[in-house]
């Protein structure tokens, strides 16, 4: 349901499956807690995947 909502907003989402694997791993290992360094740290780690 969430994906349909995002599609309805005409959002741009990453097409590289590795991005979603890394996202899932981060959530499994750290939960939904804000990572050290915040969103900017996540963007920097994943620049090559977006």
C-alpha atoms as a PDB file:
ATOM      1  CA  UNK A   1       0.000   0.000   0.000  1.00  0.00           C
ATOM      2  CA  UNK A   2       2.829   2.388   0.833  1.00  0.00           C
ATOM      3  CA  UNK A   3       4.427   1.936  -2.601  1.00  0.00           C
ATOM      4  CA  UNK A   4       1.159   2.789  -4.328  1.00  0.00           C
ATOM      5  CA  UNK A   5       0.893   5.947  -2.215  1.00  0.00           C
ATOM      6  CA  UNK A   6       4.439   6.984  -3.113  1.00  0.00           C
ATOM      7  CA  UNK A   7       3.756   6.274  -6.797  1.00  0.00           C
ATOM      8  CA  UNK A   8       0.673   8.444  -6.532  1.00  0.00           C
ATOM      9  CA  UNK A   9       2.847  11.322  -5.382  1.00  0.00           C
ATOM     10  CA  UNK A  10       5.006  10.936  -8.508  1.00  0.00           C
ATOM     11  CA  UNK A  11       8.015  10.397  -6.259  1.00  0.00           C
ATOM     12  CA  UNK A  12      11.353   9.417  -7.711  1.00  0.00           C
ATOM     13  CA  UNK A  13      12.699   6.254  -6.107  1.00  0.00           C
ATOM     14  CA  UNK A  14      16.029   4.480  -6.590  1.00  0.00           C
ATOM     15  CA  UNK A  15      15.975   1.737  -9.215  1.00  0.00           C
ATOM     16  CA  UNK A  16      19.075  -0.075  -7.952  1.00  0.00           C
ATOM     17  CA  UNK A  17      17.965  -3.110  -5.864  1.00  0.00           C
ATOM     18  CA  UNK A  18      21.166  -2.832  -3.811  1.00  0.00           C
ATOM     19  CA  UNK A  19      19.842   0.432  -2.334  1.00  0.00           C
ATOM     20  CA  UNK A  20      16.854  -1.395  -0.859  1.00  0.00           C
ATOM     21  CA  UNK A  21      19.030  -4.244   0.423  1.00  0.00           C
ATOM     22  CA  UNK A  22      21.250  -1.764   2.284  1.00  0.00           C
ATOM     23  CA  UNK A  23      18.183   0.033   3.631  1.00  0.00           C
ATOM     24  CA  UNK A  24      16.725  -3.232   4.910  1.00  0.00           C
ATOM     25  CA  UNK A  25      20.032  -4.227   6.505  1.00  0.00           C
ATOM     26  CA  UNK A  26      20.252  -0.869   8.268  1.00  0.00           C
ATOM     27  CA  UNK A  27      16.718  -1.187   9.645  1.00  0.00           C
ATOM     28  CA  UNK A  28      17.307  -4.776  10.803  1.00  0.00           C
ATOM     29  CA  UNK A  29      20.581  -3.899  12.527  1.00  0.00           C
ATOM     30  CA  UNK A  30      19.720  -0.439  13.911  1.00  0.00           C
ATOM     31  CA  UNK A  31      15.939  -0.255  13.908  1.00  0.00           C
ATOM     32  CA  UNK A  32      14.312   2.995  12.896  1.00  0.00           C
ATOM     33  CA  UNK A  33      16.598   5.023  15.145  1.00  0.00           C
ATOM     34  CA  UNK A  34      18.311   8.009  13.585  1.00  0.00           C
ATOM     35  CA  UNK A  35      21.834   6.966  12.562  1.00  0.00           C
ATOM     36  CA  UNK A  36      24.873   8.799  13.854  1.00  0.00           C
ATOM     37  CA  UNK A  37      25.443  11.741  11.510  1.00  0.00           C
ATOM     38  CA  UNK A  38      21.759  11.841  10.524  1.00  0.00           C
ATOM     39  CA  UNK A  39      20.359  11.846   7.021  1.00  0.00           C
ATOM     40  CA  UNK A  40      23.446  13.479   5.510  1.00  0.00           C
ATOM     41  CA  UNK A  41      25.577  10.508   6.589  1.00  0.00           C
ATOM     42  CA  UNK A  42      23.141   8.088   4.934  1.00  0.00           C
ATOM     43  CA  UNK A  43      23.123  10.091   1.695  1.00  0.00           C
ATOM     44  CA  UNK A  44      26.913  10.109   1.608  1.00  0.00           C
ATOM     45  CA  UNK A  45      27.109   6.334   2.190  1.00  0.00           C
ATOM     46  CA  UNK A  46      24.614   5.652  -0.599  1.00  0.00           C
ATOM     47  CA  UNK A  47      25.605   8.209  -3.251  1.00  0.00           C
ATOM     48  CA  UNK A  48      26.586   5.500  -5.712  1.00  0.00           C
ATOM     49  CA  UNK A  49      23.223   3.723  -5.352  1.00  0.00           C
ATOM     50  CA  UNK A  50      20.891   6.646  -5.992  1.00  0.00           C
END
